Amino acid sequence: MIIYFIEHDSAGNIVHVCADPMATIVPLINRVTYRNPDGTPLVDAQGRDLSPFGSPLLEPVGIDSATYIDLIADGMENYIFDDASGKPVKRTATNAQAA
């Protein structure tokens, strides 16, 4: 069984889409971290990991295989995580990328 999940930031930007055949649950912590060009970790003043867009990364969210396929086929940059529905939705002019 493969576990599908995304990682996103507090602005809704999806920064990672994963299909992990080794996972048994959606990870409880972020699996991806980012660094500045000089190699220092991309974190805020409180030490929280930041996305490349400068917003704090949130906990990974499980998705189904159909959503995974859509994100990979269409490009994750064409989607945003919608807090209200709890799932990725296609970007529109009203939910343009936060960064």
Protein backbone atom coordinates (compact mmCIF):
# COMPACT_ATOMS: atom_id res chain seq x y z
CA MET A 1 0.00 0.00 0.00
CA ILE A 2 1.22 3.48 -0.86
CA ILE A 3 0.55 6.50 1.34
CA TYR A 4 -0.07 9.72 -0.60
CA PHE A 5 0.39 13.12 1.02
CA ILE A 6 1.26 16.74 0.42
CA GLU A 7 3.16 19.34 2.36
CA HIS A 8 2.01 22.94 2.29
CA ASP A 9 2.58 26.21 4.05
CA SER A 10 0.27 28.47 6.02
CA ALA A 11 -0.49 30.48 2.87
CA GLY A 12 -1.74 27.33 1.11
CA ASN A 13 1.24 26.89 -1.23
CA ILE A 14 1.83 23.20 -1.94
CA VAL A 15 5.57 22.56 -1.77
CA HIS A 16 5.80 18.76 -1.90
CA VAL A 17 3.69 15.91 -3.26
CA CYS A 18 4.65 12.39 -2.22
CA ALA A 19 3.70 8.78 -2.79
CA ASP A 20 5.59 6.83 -0.14
CA PRO A 21 5.46 3.02 -0.32
CA MET A 22 7.47 2.77 2.93
CA ALA A 23 5.14 4.91 5.09
CA THR A 24 2.39 3.32 7.12
CA ILE A 25 0.79 6.63 8.14
CA VAL A 26 0.98 10.22 6.90
CA PRO A 27 4.11 11.66 8.52
CA LEU A 28 3.50 13.56 11.72
CA ILE A 29 6.25 16.07 10.93
CA ASN A 30 7.46 17.73 7.75
CA ARG A 31 9.69 15.49 5.66
CA VAL A 32 11.07 18.29 3.50
CA THR A 33 13.03 21.29 4.73
CA TYR A 34 14.46 24.18 2.75
CA ARG A 35 17.66 26.20 2.95
CA ASN A 36 18.76 29.66 1.90
CA PRO A 37 21.26 29.90 -0.98
CA ASP A 38 24.06 30.10 1.60
CA GLY A 39 22.97 26.75 3.09
CA THR A 40 21.41 28.01 6.32
CA PRO A 41 18.03 26.49 7.21
CA LEU A 42 15.01 28.49 6.09
CA VAL A 43 13.31 29.16 9.46
CA ASP A 44 11.43 32.02 11.09
CA ALA A 45 12.35 33.80 14.35
CA GLN A 46 10.59 31.06 16.36
CA GLY A 47 12.59 28.33 14.60
CA ARG A 48 9.65 27.02 12.51
CA ASP A 49 10.55 25.61 9.11
CA LEU A 50 9.53 27.92 6.25
CA SER A 51 8.51 27.09 2.71
CA PRO A 52 10.40 28.61 -0.22
CA PHE A 53 7.55 31.18 -0.27
CA GLY A 54 8.45 32.37 3.25
CA SER A 55 5.42 31.01 5.12
CA PRO A 56 5.58 28.41 7.91
CA LEU A 57 5.26 24.80 6.81
CA LEU A 58 2.27 22.97 8.26
CA GLU A 59 1.82 19.29 9.01
CA PRO A 60 1.54 16.99 6.00
CA VAL A 61 -1.96 16.12 4.80
CA GLY A 62 -3.02 12.76 3.38
CA ILE A 63 -4.55 12.72 -0.11
CA ASP A 64 -6.01 9.99 -2.29
CA SER A 65 -4.32 8.52 -5.36
CA ALA A 66 -6.58 10.44 -7.80
CA THR A 67 -5.57 13.76 -6.21
CA TYR A 68 -1.91 12.70 -6.31
CA ILE A 69 -2.21 11.92 -10.03
CA ASP A 70 -3.87 15.30 -10.70
CA LEU A 71 -1.16 17.17 -8.79
CA ILE A 72 1.63 15.37 -10.62
CA ALA A 73 0.01 15.53 -14.08
CA ASP A 74 -1.15 19.16 -13.86
CA GLY A 75 1.74 20.42 -11.72
CA MET A 76 1.47 21.10 -8.00
CA GLU A 77 2.11 24.79 -8.67
CA ASN A 78 -1.33 24.92 -10.30
CA TYR A 79 -3.03 24.00 -7.01
CA ILE A 80 -3.40 25.55 -3.58
CA PHE A 81 -4.35 23.85 -0.30
CA ASP A 82 -7.80 25.04 0.75
CA ASP A 83 -8.19 25.08 4.53
CA ALA A 84 -11.99 25.23 4.29
CA SER A 85 -12.29 21.97 2.34
CA GLY A 86 -9.10 20.39 3.69
CA LYS A 87 -7.85 19.47 0.22
CA PRO A 88 -5.96 20.83 -2.77
CA VAL A 89 -7.97 22.85 -5.30
CA LYS A 90 -7.07 24.22 -8.72
CA ARG A 91 -5.67 27.75 -8.51
CA THR A 92 -7.83 30.60 -9.74
CA ALA A 93 -7.31 34.35 -9.97
CA THR A 94 -8.84 34.68 -6.49
CA ASN A 95 -6.46 32.22 -4.82
CA ALA A 96 -3.24 33.23 -6.60
CA GLN A 97 0.06 32.12 -5.13
CA ALA A 98 0.78 33.88 -1.86
CA ALA A 99 4.44 34.59 -2.48
